[in-house]
Amino acid sequence: MRDEKGWHYRDPRRLSSEPLKGKTERVDIFEITDWREKEEADIVASSAQLVSDYIDAASQGQLSDQLIKELGAHIDMNSWDTAAQAVFDAQPTQQV
């Protein structure tokens, strides 16, 4: 998906970062947005950093009220974004 020249797809969004069974290194899982209408793809691209920050904070036990509110607001405004909703639902919501 990515090489020294950059991404082969338009603005992929990271949805997960989990270790493989029996391994310690994490594997990132991305959503490809090329199939979406431009308006939706733009919204997904603009939320990529927020979703990535949310995943990282949750995995480190550092999830803040602010990140929860920001991702929740994104989902409220874009109810069609089921991938963001899945990320939100999959993470523990312990705040720091």
PDB file of N, CA and C in Angstrom:
ATOM      1  N   MET A   1       0.802  -1.195   0.000  1.00  0.00           N
ATOM      2  CA  MET A   1       0.000   0.000   0.000  1.00  0.00           C
ATOM      3  C   MET A   1       0.849   1.265   0.000  1.00  0.00           C
ATOM      4  N   ARG A   2       2.045   1.197   0.590  1.00  0.00           N
ATOM      5  CA  ARG A   2       2.880   2.395   0.667  1.00  0.00           C
ATOM      6  C   ARG A   2       4.321   1.996   0.357  1.00  0.00           C
ATOM      7  N   ASP A   3       5.000   2.856  -0.368  1.00  0.00           N
ATOM      8  CA  ASP A   3       6.420   2.670  -0.617  1.00  0.00           C
ATOM      9  C   ASP A   3       7.108   4.019  -0.468  1.00  0.00           C
ATOM     10  N   GLU A   4       8.343   4.120  -0.920  1.00  0.00           N
ATOM     11  CA  GLU A   4       9.091   5.367  -0.752  1.00  0.00           C
ATOM     12  C   GLU A   4       8.441   6.555  -1.463  1.00  0.00           C
ATOM     13  N   LYS A   5       7.575   6.308  -2.428  1.00  0.00           N
ATOM     14  CA  LYS A   5       6.894   7.390  -3.150  1.00  0.00           C
ATOM     15  C   LYS A   5       5.581   7.797  -2.486  1.00  0.00           C
ATOM     16  N   GLY A   6       5.146   7.051  -1.488  1.00  0.00           N
ATOM     17  CA  GLY A   6       3.918   7.386  -0.781  1.00  0.00           C
ATOM     18  C   GLY A   6       2.854   6.327  -0.934  1.00  0.00           C
ATOM     19  N   TRP A   7       1.628   6.709  -0.633  1.00  0.00           N
ATOM     20  CA  TRP A   7       0.499   5.788  -0.684  1.00  0.00           C
ATOM     21  C   TRP A   7       0.087   5.514  -2.118  1.00  0.00           C
ATOM     22  N   HIS A   8      -0.352   4.295  -2.380  1.00  0.00           N
ATOM     23  CA  HIS A   8      -0.874   3.924  -3.687  1.00  0.00           C
ATOM     24  C   HIS A   8      -2.365   4.205  -3.777  1.00  0.00           C
ATOM     25  N   TYR A   9      -2.983   4.497  -2.651  1.00  0.00           N
ATOM     26  CA  TYR A   9      -4.403   4.790  -2.581  1.00  0.00           C
ATOM     27  C   TYR A   9      -4.588   6.172  -1.979  1.00  0.00           C
ATOM     28  N   ARG A  10      -5.753   6.727  -2.194  1.00  0.00           N
ATOM     29  CA  ARG A  10      -6.045   8.054  -1.674  1.00  0.00           C
ATOM     30  C   ARG A  10      -6.335   7.974  -0.176  1.00  0.00           C
ATOM     31  N   ASP A  11      -5.552   8.637   0.615  1.00  0.00           N
ATOM     32  CA  ASP A  11      -5.811   8.873   2.023  1.00  0.00           C
ATOM     33  C   ASP A  11      -6.362   7.688   2.806  1.00  0.00           C
ATOM     34  N   PRO A  12      -5.629   6.598   2.931  1.00  0.00           N
ATOM     35  CA  PRO A  12      -6.128   5.504   3.770  1.00  0.00           C
ATOM     36  C   PRO A  12      -6.203   5.953   5.230  1.00  0.00           C
ATOM     37  N   ARG A  13      -7.138   5.397   5.954  1.00  0.00           N
ATOM     38  CA  ARG A  13      -7.327   5.746   7.373  1.00  0.00           C
ATOM     39  C   ARG A  13      -7.090   4.498   8.210  1.00  0.00           C
ATOM     40  N   ARG A  14      -6.210   4.636   9.203  1.00  0.00           N
ATOM     41  CA  ARG A  14      -5.906   3.510  10.095  1.00  0.00           C
ATOM     42  C   ARG A  14      -7.105   3.247  10.990  1.00  0.00           C
ATOM     43  N   LEU A  15      -7.496   1.977  11.082  1.00  0.00           N
ATOM     44  CA  LEU A  15      -8.637   1.590  11.902  1.00  0.00           C
ATOM     45  C   LEU A  15      -8.257   0.743  13.100  1.00  0.00           C
ATOM     46  N   SER A  16      -7.073   0.161  13.056  1.00  0.00           N
ATOM     47  CA  SER A  16      -6.670  -0.707  14.142  1.00  0.00           C
ATOM     48  C   SER A  16      -5.162  -0.895  14.109  1.00  0.00           C
ATOM     49  N   SER A  17      -4.625  -1.239  15.242  1.00  0.00           N
ATOM     50  CA  SER A  17      -3.214  -1.574  15.347  1.00  0.00           C
ATOM     51  C   SER A  17      -3.112  -2.653  16.421  1.00  0.00           C
ATOM     52  N   GLU A  18      -3.069  -3.890  15.975  1.00  0.00           N
ATOM     53  CA  GLU A  18      -3.107  -5.024  16.898  1.00  0.00           C
ATOM     54  C   GLU A  18      -1.954  -5.977  16.613  1.00  0.00           C
ATOM     55  N   PRO A  19      -1.429  -6.630  17.670  1.00  0.00           N
ATOM     56  CA  PRO A  19      -0.410  -7.651  17.423  1.00  0.00           C
ATOM     57  C   PRO A  19      -1.049  -8.893  16.806  1.00  0.00           C
ATOM     58  N   LEU A  20      -0.317  -9.525  15.921  1.00  0.00           N
ATOM     59  CA  LEU A  20      -0.775 -10.799  15.372  1.00  0.00           C
ATOM     60  C   LEU A  20      -0.670 -11.869  16.440  1.00  0.00           C
ATOM     61  N   LYS A  21      -1.489 -12.878  16.333  1.00  0.00           N
ATOM     62  CA  LYS A  21      -1.475 -13.959  17.307  1.00  0.00           C
ATOM     63  C   LYS A  21      -0.077 -14.579  17.368  1.00  0.00           C
ATOM     64  N   GLY A  22       0.469 -14.645  18.561  1.00  0.00           N
ATOM     65  CA  GLY A  22       1.780 -15.230  18.766  1.00  0.00           C
ATOM     66  C   GLY A  22       2.935 -14.290  18.466  1.00  0.00           C
ATOM     67  N   LYS A  23       2.642 -13.030  18.138  1.00  0.00           N
ATOM     68  CA  LYS A  23       3.686 -12.044  17.802  1.00  0.00           C
ATOM     69  C   LYS A  23       3.574 -10.853  18.740  1.00  0.00           C
ATOM     70  N   THR A  24       4.636 -10.087  18.827  1.00  0.00           N
ATOM     71  CA  THR A  24       4.612  -8.890  19.658  1.00  0.00           C
ATOM     72  C   THR A  24       4.457  -7.616  18.836  1.00  0.00           C
ATOM     73  N   GLU A  25       4.858  -7.650  17.564  1.00  0.00           N
ATOM     74  CA  GLU A  25       4.728  -6.430  16.759  1.00  0.00           C
ATOM     75  C   GLU A  25       3.276  -6.221  16.336  1.00  0.00           C
ATOM     76  N   ARG A  26       2.910  -4.968  16.231  1.00  0.00           N
ATOM     77  CA  ARG A  26       1.547  -4.607  15.854  1.00  0.00           C
ATOM     78  C   ARG A  26       1.424  -4.525  14.332  1.00  0.00           C
ATOM     79  N   VAL A  27       0.230  -4.814  13.863  1.00  0.00           N
ATOM     80  CA  VAL A  27      -0.080  -4.715  12.442  1.00  0.00           C
ATOM     81  C   VAL A  27      -1.197  -3.682  12.292  1.00  0.00           C
ATOM     82  N   ASP A  28      -0.957  -2.692  11.458  1.00  0.00           N
ATOM     83  CA  ASP A  28      -1.968  -1.670  11.218  1.00  0.00           C
ATOM     84  C   ASP A  28      -2.949  -2.155  10.169  1.00  0.00           C
ATOM     85  N   ILE A  29      -4.226  -1.869  10.403  1.00  0.00           N
ATOM     86  CA  ILE A  29      -5.293  -2.181   9.460  1.00  0.00           C
ATOM     87  C   ILE A  29      -5.851  -0.854   8.975  1.00  0.00           C
ATOM     88  N   PHE A  30      -5.938  -0.705   7.646  1.00  0.00           N
ATOM     89  CA  PHE A  30      -6.367   0.557   7.052  1.00  0.00           C
ATOM     90  C   PHE A  30      -7.662   0.403   6.278  1.00  0.00           C
ATOM     91  N   GLU A  31      -8.408   1.495   6.224  1.00  0.00           N
ATOM     92  CA  GLU A  31      -9.589   1.598   5.379  1.00  0.00           C
ATOM     93  C   GLU A  31      -9.188   2.360   4.118  1.00  0.00           C
ATOM     94  N   ILE A  32      -9.483   1.792   2.973  1.00  0.00           N
ATOM     95  CA  ILE A  32      -9.233   2.448   1.693  1.00  0.00           C
ATOM     96  C   ILE A  32     -10.506   3.206   1.319  1.00  0.00           C
ATOM     97  N   THR A  33     -10.368   4.469   0.968  1.00  0.00           N
ATOM     98  CA  THR A  33     -11.548   5.302   0.716  1.00  0.00           C
ATOM     99  C   THR A  33     -11.816   5.548  -0.761  1.00  0.00           C
ATOM    100  N   ASP A  34     -11.036   4.958  -1.639  1.00  0.00           N
ATOM    101  CA  ASP A  34     -11.185   5.232  -3.076  1.00  0.00           C
ATOM    102  C   ASP A  34     -12.582   4.906  -3.603  1.00  0.00           C
ATOM    103  N   TRP A  35     -13.278   3.975  -2.999  1.00  0.00           N
ATOM    104  CA  TRP A  35     -14.596   3.570  -3.477  1.00  0.00           C
ATOM    105  C   TRP A  35     -15.697   4.550  -3.083  1.00  0.00           C
ATOM    106  N   ARG A  36     -15.429   5.436  -2.143  1.00  0.00           N
ATOM    107  CA  ARG A  36     -16.444   6.370  -1.646  1.00  0.00           C
ATOM    108  C   ARG A  36     -16.634   7.554  -2.603  1.00  0.00           C
ATOM    109  N   GLU A  37     -17.791   8.185  -2.497  1.00  0.00           N
ATOM    110  CA  GLU A  37     -18.015   9.459  -3.182  1.00  0.00           C
ATOM    111  C   GLU A  37     -16.998  10.454  -2.639  1.00  0.00           C
ATOM    112  N   LYS A  38     -16.616  11.446  -3.438  1.00  0.00           N
ATOM    113  CA  LYS A  38     -15.569  12.393  -3.051  1.00  0.00           C
ATOM    114  C   LYS A  38     -15.871  13.079  -1.723  1.00  0.00           C
ATOM    115  N   GLU A  39     -17.100  13.509  -1.511  1.00  0.00           N
ATOM    116  CA  GLU A  39     -17.444  14.213  -0.270  1.00  0.00           C
ATOM    117  C   GLU A  39     -17.206  13.327   0.950  1.00  0.00           C
ATOM    118  N   GLU A  40     -17.647  12.080   0.891  1.00  0.00           N
ATOM    119  CA  GLU A  40     -17.420  11.158   2.004  1.00  0.00           C
ATOM    120  C   GLU A  40     -15.943  10.834   2.152  1.00  0.00           C
ATOM    121  N   ALA A  41     -15.241  10.627   1.042  1.00  0.00           N
ATOM    122  CA  ALA A  41     -13.807  10.329   1.104  1.00  0.00           C
ATOM    123  C   ALA A  41     -13.048  11.483   1.743  1.00  0.00           C
ATOM    124  N   ASP A  42     -13.447  12.714   1.446  1.00  0.00           N
ATOM    125  CA  ASP A  42     -12.807  13.880   2.053  1.00  0.00           C
ATOM    126  C   ASP A  42     -13.036  13.913   3.566  1.00  0.00           C
ATOM    127  N   ILE A  43     -14.247  13.574   3.994  1.00  0.00           N
ATOM    128  CA  ILE A  43     -14.555  13.554   5.423  1.00  0.00           C
ATOM    129  C   ILE A  43     -13.750  12.460   6.126  1.00  0.00           C
ATOM    130  N   VAL A  44     -13.678  11.288   5.513  1.00  0.00           N
ATOM    131  CA  VAL A  44     -12.882  10.196   6.080  1.00  0.00           C
ATOM    132  C   VAL A  44     -11.416  10.622   6.180  1.00  0.00           C
ATOM    133  N   ALA A  45     -10.893  11.227   5.121  1.00  0.00           N
ATOM    134  CA  ALA A  45      -9.497  11.678   5.133  1.00  0.00           C
ATOM    135  C   ALA A  45      -9.255  12.713   6.225  1.00  0.00           C
ATOM    136  N   SER A  46     -10.208  13.619   6.407  1.00  0.00           N
ATOM    137  CA  SER A  46     -10.026  14.662   7.422  1.00  0.00           C
ATOM    138  C   SER A  46     -10.106  14.099   8.845  1.00  0.00           C
ATOM    139  N   SER A  47     -10.697  12.924   9.012  1.00  0.00           N
ATOM    140  CA  SER A  47     -10.789  12.314  10.339  1.00  0.00           C
ATOM    141  C   SER A  47      -9.659  11.327  10.613  1.00  0.00           C
ATOM    142  N   ALA A  48      -8.793  11.112   9.649  1.00  0.00           N
ATOM    143  CA  ALA A  48      -7.747  10.083   9.785  1.00  0.00           C
ATOM    144  C   ALA A  48      -6.849  10.315  10.993  1.00  0.00           C
ATOM    145  N   GLN A  49      -6.405  11.539  11.206  1.00  0.00           N
ATOM    146  CA  GLN A  49      -5.513  11.813  12.332  1.00  0.00           C
ATOM    147  C   GLN A  49      -6.249  11.641  13.657  1.00  0.00           C
ATOM    148  N   LEU A  50      -7.489  12.100  13.723  1.00  0.00           N
ATOM    149  CA  LEU A  50      -8.295  11.945  14.935  1.00  0.00           C
ATOM    150  C   LEU A  50      -8.465  10.475  15.288  1.00  0.00           C
ATOM    151  N   VAL A  51      -8.815   9.656  14.317  1.00  0.00           N
ATOM    152  CA  VAL A  51      -9.012   8.219  14.564  1.00  0.00           C
ATOM    153  C   VAL A  51      -7.697   7.572  14.991  1.00  0.00           C
ATOM    154  N   SER A  52      -6.616   7.931  14.331  1.00  0.00           N
ATOM    155  CA  SER A  52      -5.309   7.378  14.682  1.00  0.00           C
ATOM    156  C   SER A  52      -4.914   7.776  16.110  1.00  0.00           C
ATOM    157  N   ASP A  53      -5.116   9.046  16.462  1.00  0.00           N
ATOM    158  CA  ASP A  53      -4.810   9.505  17.822  1.00  0.00           C
ATOM    159  C   ASP A  53      -5.658   8.757  18.852  1.00  0.00           C
ATOM    160  N   TYR A  54      -6.922   8.527  18.521  1.00  0.00           N
ATOM    161  CA  TYR A  54      -7.834   7.810  19.415  1.00  0.00           C
ATOM    162  C   TYR A  54      -7.350   6.378  19.638  1.00  0.00           C
ATOM    163  N   ILE A  55      -6.966   5.696  18.564  1.00  0.00           N
ATOM    164  CA  ILE A  55      -6.467   4.324  18.663  1.00  0.00           C
ATOM    165  C   ILE A  55      -5.210   4.276  19.523  1.00  0.00           C
ATOM    166  N   ASP A  56      -4.272   5.183  19.261  1.00  0.00           N
ATOM    167  CA  ASP A  56      -3.014   5.206  20.025  1.00  0.00           C
ATOM    168  C   ASP A  56      -3.260   5.485  21.504  1.00  0.00           C
ATOM    169  N   ALA A  57      -4.087   6.478  21.792  1.00  0.00           N
ATOM    170  CA  ALA A  57      -4.358   6.833  23.190  1.00  0.00           C
ATOM    171  C   ALA A  57      -5.052   5.686  23.917  1.00  0.00           C
ATOM    172  N   ALA A  58      -6.014   5.066  23.274  1.00  0.00           N
ATOM    173  CA  ALA A  58      -6.727   3.948  23.901  1.00  0.00           C
ATOM    174  C   ALA A  58      -5.794   2.779  24.161  1.00  0.00           C
ATOM    175  N   SER A  59      -4.914   2.483  23.213  1.00  0.00           N
ATOM    176  CA  SER A  59      -4.011   1.339  23.392  1.00  0.00           C
ATOM    177  C   SER A  59      -2.984   1.590  24.493  1.00  0.00           C
ATOM    178  N   GLN A  60      -2.718   2.864  24.793  1.00  0.00           N
ATOM    179  CA  GLN A  60      -1.764   3.219  25.853  1.00  0.00           C
ATOM    180  C   GLN A  60      -2.456   3.536  27.177  1.00  0.00           C
ATOM    181  N   GLY A  61      -3.788   3.392  27.188  1.00  0.00           N
ATOM    182  CA  GLY A  61      -4.528   3.720  28.401  1.00  0.00           C
ATOM    183  C   GLY A  61      -4.544   5.196  28.700  1.00  0.00           C
ATOM    184  N   GLN A  62      -4.406   6.028  27.664  1.00  0.00           N
ATOM    185  CA  GLN A  62      -4.318   7.481  27.816  1.00  0.00           C
ATOM    186  C   GLN A  62      -5.466   8.207  27.123  1.00  0.00           C
ATOM    187  N   LEU A  63      -6.611   7.577  27.049  1.00  0.00           N
ATOM    188  CA  LEU A  63      -7.749   8.150  26.332  1.00  0.00           C
ATOM    189  C   LEU A  63      -8.334   9.310  27.136  1.00  0.00           C
ATOM    190  N   SER A  64      -8.353  10.486  26.530  1.00  0.00           N
ATOM    191  CA  SER A  64      -8.832  11.689  27.218  1.00  0.00           C
ATOM    192  C   SER A  64     -10.300  11.957  26.897  1.00  0.00           C
ATOM    193  N   ASP A  65     -10.941  12.712  27.771  1.00  0.00           N
ATOM    194  CA  ASP A  65     -12.319  13.146  27.522  1.00  0.00           C
ATOM    195  C   ASP A  65     -12.396  13.891  26.191  1.00  0.00           C
ATOM    196  N   GLN A  66     -11.383  14.690  25.896  1.00  0.00           N
ATOM    197  CA  GLN A  66     -11.370  15.485  24.666  1.00  0.00           C
ATOM    198  C   GLN A  66     -11.395  14.591  23.421  1.00  0.00           C
ATOM    199  N   LEU A  67     -10.568  13.556  23.393  1.00  0.00           N
ATOM    200  CA  LEU A  67     -10.569  12.645  22.240  1.00  0.00           C
ATOM    201  C   LEU A  67     -11.899  11.913  22.109  1.00  0.00           C
ATOM    202  N   ILE A  68     -12.456  11.491  23.226  1.00  0.00           N
ATOM    203  CA  ILE A  68     -13.753  10.814  23.196  1.00  0.00           C
ATOM    204  C   ILE A  68     -14.815  11.748  22.631  1.00  0.00           C
ATOM    205  N   LYS A  69     -14.821  12.995  23.089  1.00  0.00           N
ATOM    206  CA  LYS A  69     -15.796  13.977  22.606  1.00  0.00           C
ATOM    207  C   LYS A  69     -15.598  14.270  21.120  1.00  0.00           C
ATOM    208  N   GLU A  70     -14.339  14.429  20.696  1.00  0.00           N
ATOM    209  CA  GLU A  70     -14.068  14.752  19.290  1.00  0.00           C
ATOM    210  C   GLU A  70     -14.493  13.625  18.356  1.00  0.00           C
ATOM    211  N   LEU A  71     -14.141  12.384  18.687  1.00  0.00           N
ATOM    212  CA  LEU A  71     -14.543  11.281  17.824  1.00  0.00           C
ATOM    213  C   LEU A  71     -16.053  11.082  17.883  1.00  0.00           C
ATOM    214  N   GLY A  72     -16.634  11.239  19.056  1.00  0.00           N
ATOM    215  CA  GLY A  72     -18.086  11.145  19.178  1.00  0.00           C
ATOM    216  C   GLY A  72     -18.790  12.201  18.334  1.00  0.00           C
ATOM    217  N   ALA A  73     -18.265  13.417  18.307  1.00  0.00           N
ATOM    218  CA  ALA A  73     -18.854  14.485  17.495  1.00  0.00           C
ATOM    219  C   ALA A  73     -18.731  14.161  16.009  1.00  0.00           C
ATOM    220  N   HIS A  74     -17.582  13.620  15.609  1.00  0.00           N
ATOM    221  CA  HIS A  74     -17.416  13.215  14.204  1.00  0.00           C
ATOM    222  C   HIS A  74     -18.470  12.177  13.831  1.00  0.00           C
ATOM    223  N   ILE A  75     -18.673  11.196  14.677  1.00  0.00           N
ATOM    224  CA  ILE A  75     -19.643  10.134  14.403  1.00  0.00           C
ATOM    225  C   ILE A  75     -21.061  10.705  14.379  1.00  0.00           C
ATOM    226  N   ASP A  76     -21.375  11.598  15.316  1.00  0.00           N
ATOM    227  CA  ASP A  76     -22.704  12.214  15.340  1.00  0.00           C
ATOM    228  C   ASP A  76     -22.986  12.984  14.045  1.00  0.00           C
ATOM    229  N   MET A  77     -21.988  13.680  13.537  1.00  0.00           N
ATOM    230  CA  MET A  77     -22.173  14.473  12.313  1.00  0.00           C
ATOM    231  C   MET A  77     -22.141  13.607  11.053  1.00  0.00           C
ATOM    232  N   ASN A  78     -21.552  12.425  11.140  1.00  0.00           N
ATOM    233  CA  ASN A  78     -21.375  11.549   9.979  1.00  0.00           C
ATOM    234  C   ASN A  78     -21.812  10.132  10.339  1.00  0.00           C
ATOM    235  N   SER A  79     -23.086   9.964  10.562  1.00  0.00           N
ATOM    236  CA  SER A  79     -23.601   8.675  11.032  1.00  0.00           C
ATOM    237  C   SER A  79     -23.340   7.534  10.043  1.00  0.00           C
ATOM    238  N   TRP A  80     -23.073   7.853   8.796  1.00  0.00           N
ATOM    239  CA  TRP A  80     -22.756   6.846   7.781  1.00  0.00           C
ATOM    240  C   TRP A  80     -21.351   6.262   7.990  1.00  0.00           C
ATOM    241  N   ASP A  81     -20.512   6.904   8.803  1.00  0.00           N
ATOM    242  CA  ASP A  81     -19.119   6.480   8.988  1.00  0.00           C
ATOM    243  C   ASP A  81     -19.052   5.335   9.995  1.00  0.00           C
ATOM    244  N   THR A  82     -19.477   4.167   9.551  1.00  0.00           N
ATOM    245  CA  THR A  82     -19.543   3.000  10.429  1.00  0.00           C
ATOM    246  C   THR A  82     -18.162   2.505  10.852  1.00  0.00           C
ATOM    247  N   ALA A  83     -17.141   2.779  10.054  1.00  0.00           N
ATOM    248  CA  ALA A  83     -15.786   2.365  10.444  1.00  0.00           C
ATOM    249  C   ALA A  83     -15.327   3.159  11.665  1.00  0.00           C
ATOM    250  N   ALA A  84     -15.569   4.460  11.685  1.00  0.00           N
ATOM    251  CA  ALA A  84     -15.221   5.275  12.854  1.00  0.00           C
ATOM    252  C   ALA A  84     -16.024   4.819  14.069  1.00  0.00           C
ATOM    253  N   GLN A  85     -17.296   4.482  13.859  1.00  0.00           N
ATOM    254  CA  GLN A  85     -18.130   3.986  14.952  1.00  0.00           C
ATOM    255  C   GLN A  85     -17.564   2.679  15.503  1.00  0.00           C
ATOM    256  N   ALA A  86     -17.089   1.803  14.631  1.00  0.00           N
ATOM    257  CA  ALA A  86     -16.497   0.530  15.069  1.00  0.00           C
ATOM    258  C   ALA A  86     -15.238   0.767  15.897  1.00  0.00           C
ATOM    259  N   VAL A  87     -14.407   1.730  15.490  1.00  0.00           N
ATOM    260  CA  VAL A  87     -13.212   2.067  16.264  1.00  0.00           C
ATOM    261  C   VAL A  87     -13.622   2.579  17.644  1.00  0.00           C
ATOM    262  N   PHE A  88     -14.597   3.467  17.663  1.00  0.00           N
ATOM    263  CA  PHE A  88     -15.090   4.046  18.917  1.00  0.00           C
ATOM    264  C   PHE A  88     -15.627   2.956  19.840  1.00  0.00           C
ATOM    265  N   ASP A  89     -16.402   2.040  19.295  1.00  0.00           N
ATOM    266  CA  ASP A  89     -17.020   0.971  20.079  1.00  0.00           C
ATOM    267  C   ASP A  89     -16.001  -0.065  20.569  1.00  0.00           C
ATOM    268  N   ALA A  90     -14.909  -0.243  19.825  1.00  0.00           N
ATOM    269  CA  ALA A  90     -13.934  -1.301  20.143  1.00  0.00           C
ATOM    270  C   ALA A  90     -12.962  -0.913  21.234  1.00  0.00           C
ATOM    271  N   GLN A  91     -12.835   0.373  21.509  1.00  0.00           N
ATOM    272  CA  GLN A  91     -11.830   0.822  22.460  1.00  0.00           C
ATOM    273  C   GLN A  91     -12.431   0.983  23.848  1.00  0.00           C
ATOM    274  N   PRO A  92     -11.681   0.624  24.871  1.00  0.00           N
ATOM    275  CA  PRO A  92     -12.158   0.896  26.231  1.00  0.00           C
ATOM    276  C   PRO A  92     -12.250   2.406  26.444  1.00  0.00           C
ATOM    277  N   THR A  93     -13.185   2.867  27.214  1.00  0.00           N
ATOM    278  CA  THR A  93     -13.385   4.301  27.365  1.00  0.00           C
ATOM    279  C   THR A  93     -12.917   4.815  28.715  1.00  0.00           C
ATOM    280  N   GLN A  94     -11.853   4.230  29.244  1.00  0.00           N
ATOM    281  CA  GLN A  94     -11.272   4.759  30.478  1.00  0.00           C
ATOM    282  C   GLN A  94     -10.547   6.051  30.142  1.00  0.00           C
ATOM    283  N   GLN A  95     -10.950   7.117  30.799  1.00  0.00           N
ATOM    284  CA  GLN A  95     -10.321   8.409  30.550  1.00  0.00           C
ATOM    285  C   GLN A  95      -9.168   8.643  31.520  1.00  0.00           C
ATOM    286  N   VAL A  96      -8.302   9.565  31.106  1.00  0.00           N
ATOM    287  CA  VAL A  96      -7.209   9.981  31.995  1.00  0.00           C
ATOM    288  C   VAL A  96      -7.467  11.394  32.442  1.00  0.00           C
TER     289      VAL A  96
END
